[in-house]
Amino acid sequence: MKRAVFLDRDGTINVEKEYLYQCKQFEFIPGAPEAIKILNQAGIMVVVVTNQSGIARGYYTEEDVEILHRHIASELERAGAHVDAWYFCPHHPTGRGSYALPCDCRKPLPGMLKEASRRYDIDLQSSIMIGDKRADIEAGVAAGCRTILVRSGYGREEEPYVDPQTTICDNLLSAVQCIV
């Protein structure tokens, strides 16, 4: 079985911008590409797991998210880094149409992590979830992963409320340096 690091996207990899979907608004948090490259070089699988309720709210489409993920992948490639798998949850209980439903993929539920584990033969107990929100940490704990909260994004505000077993780091690069 493989070891993976699950990464939240907004506030962890990129600067938090409410309902980000446009490539022109995307901006890496300093050190994020380097952090992902370090994980790649260490042979650790990198899986992005991100809630994208803007789809359910009608702000943007699944295709918009996929276009943004291709853009991020291209930017990472320039830095010599890559993400192995991308997962996003388009649902929200108060959303529109077929996206307005309860699901098991929306963090804090562990559905995206468990699906990646099944698909890629990932050992969740030896894996780590890194994010800037309590929901990220709760998803990691529910999946059986070790967890790291980063203070970027919403992390500083969320820090007092996370599981006491959670490691706290300033940003993704410092979290990865703690792992590798």
Protein backbone atom coordinates (compact mmCIF):
# COMPACT_ATOMS: atom_id res chain seq x y z
CA MET A 1 0.00 0.00 0.00
CA LYS A 2 1.07 3.57 -0.71
CA ARG A 3 1.56 6.47 1.65
CA ALA A 4 -0.12 9.74 0.67
CA VAL A 5 -0.40 13.31 1.77
CA PHE A 6 -3.90 14.65 1.25
CA LEU A 7 -3.96 18.39 0.68
CA ASP A 8 -6.81 20.82 0.95
CA ARG A 9 -6.60 23.35 -1.88
CA ASP A 10 -7.86 26.83 -0.91
CA GLY A 11 -5.91 28.33 1.97
CA THR A 12 -3.40 25.45 1.92
CA ILE A 13 -1.94 25.36 -1.60
CA ASN A 14 -3.27 28.68 -2.87
CA VAL A 15 -4.16 32.01 -1.31
CA GLU A 16 -7.72 31.89 0.02
CA LYS A 17 -10.12 33.69 -2.32
CA GLU A 18 -13.80 33.04 -1.77
CA TYR A 19 -15.18 30.71 -4.45
CA LEU A 20 -12.02 30.67 -6.54
CA TYR A 21 -12.51 29.23 -10.01
CA GLN A 22 -10.78 31.63 -12.40
CA CYS A 23 -7.18 30.92 -13.37
CA LYS A 24 -6.32 34.62 -13.39
CA GLN A 25 -7.19 34.84 -9.67
CA PHE A 26 -5.09 31.82 -8.68
CA GLU A 27 -2.02 32.52 -6.55
CA PHE A 28 0.18 29.99 -4.77
CA ILE A 29 0.91 30.44 -1.09
CA PRO A 30 4.67 31.03 -1.00
CA GLY A 31 6.55 27.73 -0.78
CA ALA A 32 3.60 25.54 -1.85
CA PRO A 33 5.11 24.35 -5.17
CA GLU A 34 8.40 23.58 -3.40
CA ALA A 35 6.51 21.63 -0.71
CA ILE A 36 4.72 19.50 -3.29
CA LYS A 37 8.02 18.90 -5.11
CA ILE A 38 9.60 17.69 -1.85
CA LEU A 39 6.73 15.21 -1.40
CA ASN A 40 7.15 14.04 -5.00
CA GLN A 41 10.89 13.53 -4.52
CA ALA A 42 10.24 11.57 -1.31
CA GLY A 43 7.96 9.20 -3.23
CA ILE A 44 4.87 10.24 -1.29
CA MET A 45 1.65 10.39 -3.28
CA VAL A 46 0.00 13.85 -3.36
CA VAL A 47 -3.80 13.94 -3.47
CA VAL A 48 -5.81 17.17 -3.44
CA VAL A 49 -9.21 16.94 -1.71
CA THR A 50 -11.29 20.11 -1.88
CA ASN A 51 -14.86 21.14 -1.11
CA GLN A 52 -16.24 23.19 -4.00
CA SER A 53 -19.70 24.28 -2.86
CA GLY A 54 -19.60 27.09 -5.42
CA ILE A 55 -20.75 24.46 -7.93
CA ALA A 56 -23.85 23.62 -5.86
CA ARG A 57 -24.50 27.33 -5.32
CA GLY A 58 -24.40 27.99 -9.07
CA TYR A 59 -21.31 30.26 -8.97
CA TYR A 60 -19.29 28.07 -11.34
CA THR A 61 -19.34 24.63 -12.95
CA GLU A 62 -17.47 21.35 -12.50
CA GLU A 63 -15.72 22.14 -15.79
CA ASP A 64 -14.51 25.46 -14.34
CA VAL A 65 -12.94 23.56 -11.42
CA GLU A 66 -11.30 21.07 -13.78
CA ILE A 67 -9.90 23.93 -15.90
CA LEU A 68 -8.46 25.55 -12.76
CA HIS A 69 -6.93 22.24 -11.66
CA ARG A 70 -5.27 21.84 -15.07
CA HIS A 71 -3.90 25.38 -14.69
CA ILE A 72 -2.53 24.59 -11.22
CA ALA A 73 -1.01 21.36 -12.56
CA SER A 74 0.68 23.33 -15.33
CA GLU A 75 2.09 25.85 -12.86
CA LEU A 76 3.33 23.03 -10.63
CA GLU A 77 4.95 21.32 -13.62
CA ARG A 78 6.99 24.48 -14.22
CA ALA A 79 8.25 24.14 -10.65
CA GLY A 80 9.11 20.47 -11.18
CA ALA A 81 6.20 19.25 -9.06
CA HIS A 82 2.93 17.40 -9.62
CA VAL A 83 -0.30 16.31 -7.93
CA ASP A 84 -1.08 12.61 -8.38
CA ALA A 85 -4.86 12.89 -8.03
CA TRP A 86 -7.49 15.61 -7.73
CA TYR A 87 -10.80 15.16 -5.91
CA PHE A 88 -13.50 17.73 -5.35
CA CYS A 89 -16.92 17.68 -3.73
CA PRO A 90 -19.48 19.73 -5.71
CA HIS A 91 -22.28 19.25 -3.16
CA HIS A 92 -23.84 21.46 -0.52
CA PRO A 93 -27.03 20.79 1.46
CA THR A 94 -28.49 24.18 0.50
CA GLY A 95 -27.27 24.09 -3.10
CA ARG A 96 -29.24 23.82 -6.34
CA GLY A 97 -30.59 20.87 -8.28
CA SER A 98 -28.74 17.57 -8.22
CA TYR A 99 -25.92 19.09 -6.12
CA ALA A 100 -28.24 19.83 -3.18
CA LEU A 101 -27.93 16.54 -1.43
CA PRO A 102 -26.27 14.97 1.53
CA CYS A 103 -23.11 13.15 0.48
CA ASP A 104 -20.16 11.40 2.05
CA CYS A 105 -17.55 13.35 0.09
CA ARG A 106 -18.01 16.81 1.61
CA LYS A 107 -15.41 17.39 4.31
CA PRO A 108 -15.55 16.93 7.31
CA LEU A 109 -16.72 13.53 6.05
CA PRO A 110 -13.88 11.32 4.78
CA GLY A 111 -15.43 10.23 1.47
CA MET A 112 -12.82 11.76 -0.85
CA LEU A 113 -9.95 10.31 1.18
CA LYS A 114 -11.56 6.87 1.31
CA GLU A 115 -12.29 6.89 -2.42
CA ALA A 116 -8.66 7.81 -3.18
CA SER A 117 -7.53 5.05 -0.81
CA ARG A 118 -9.63 2.47 -2.66
CA ARG A 119 -8.64 3.65 -6.10
CA TYR A 120 -4.90 4.07 -5.50
CA ASP A 121 -4.28 1.48 -2.76
CA ILE A 122 -3.40 4.14 -0.16
CA ASP A 123 -2.79 3.16 3.45
CA LEU A 124 -4.79 5.81 5.32
CA GLN A 125 -3.14 5.06 8.68
CA SER A 126 0.30 5.93 7.32
CA SER A 127 -1.03 8.96 5.42
CA ILE A 128 -1.48 12.60 6.42
CA MET A 129 -4.21 15.18 5.81
CA ILE A 130 -3.05 18.80 5.65
CA GLY A 131 -5.50 21.69 5.61
CA ASP A 132 -6.40 25.09 6.99
CA LYS A 133 -9.87 24.31 8.36
CA ARG A 134 -11.38 22.19 11.08
CA ALA A 135 -13.35 20.32 8.39
CA ASP A 136 -10.06 19.23 6.77
CA ILE A 137 -8.72 17.97 10.08
CA GLU A 138 -11.97 16.19 10.96
CA ALA A 139 -11.98 14.45 7.56
CA GLY A 140 -8.42 13.28 8.15
CA VAL A 141 -9.20 12.01 11.64
CA ALA A 142 -12.36 10.24 10.37
CA ALA A 143 -10.28 8.54 7.67
CA GLY A 144 -7.67 7.44 10.20
CA CYS A 145 -4.90 9.76 8.99
CA ARG A 146 -2.44 11.85 10.93
CA THR A 147 -3.42 15.52 10.61
CA ILE A 148 -1.63 18.84 10.21
CA LEU A 149 -3.33 22.25 10.38
CA VAL A 150 -1.58 25.05 8.51
CA ARG A 151 -1.97 28.61 9.76
CA SER A 152 -2.36 29.94 6.21
CA GLY A 153 -5.89 30.56 4.93
CA TYR A 154 -8.31 30.16 7.85
CA GLY A 155 -5.84 28.17 9.94
CA ARG A 156 -5.04 30.80 12.57
CA GLU A 157 -8.74 31.24 13.33
CA GLU A 158 -9.39 27.48 13.34
CA GLU A 159 -6.37 26.51 15.46
CA PRO A 160 -8.12 26.63 18.88
CA TYR A 161 -10.83 24.23 17.66
CA VAL A 162 -8.90 21.36 16.08
CA ASP A 163 -8.22 17.90 17.46
CA PRO A 164 -5.45 18.12 20.10
CA GLN A 165 -3.48 15.37 18.32
CA THR A 166 -3.15 17.65 15.27
CA THR A 167 0.25 19.10 14.47
CA ILE A 168 0.21 22.85 13.78
CA CYS A 169 2.54 24.42 11.17
CA ASP A 170 2.75 27.89 9.67
CA ASN A 171 2.25 26.82 6.04
CA LEU A 172 2.44 23.88 3.65
CA LEU A 173 6.20 24.08 3.25
CA SER A 174 6.81 23.94 7.01
CA ALA A 175 4.30 21.06 7.28
CA VAL A 176 6.10 19.08 4.57
CA GLN A 177 9.47 19.77 6.20
CA CYS A 178 7.98 18.33 9.38
CA ILE A 179 6.94 15.16 7.50
CA VAL A 180 9.99 14.47 5.34
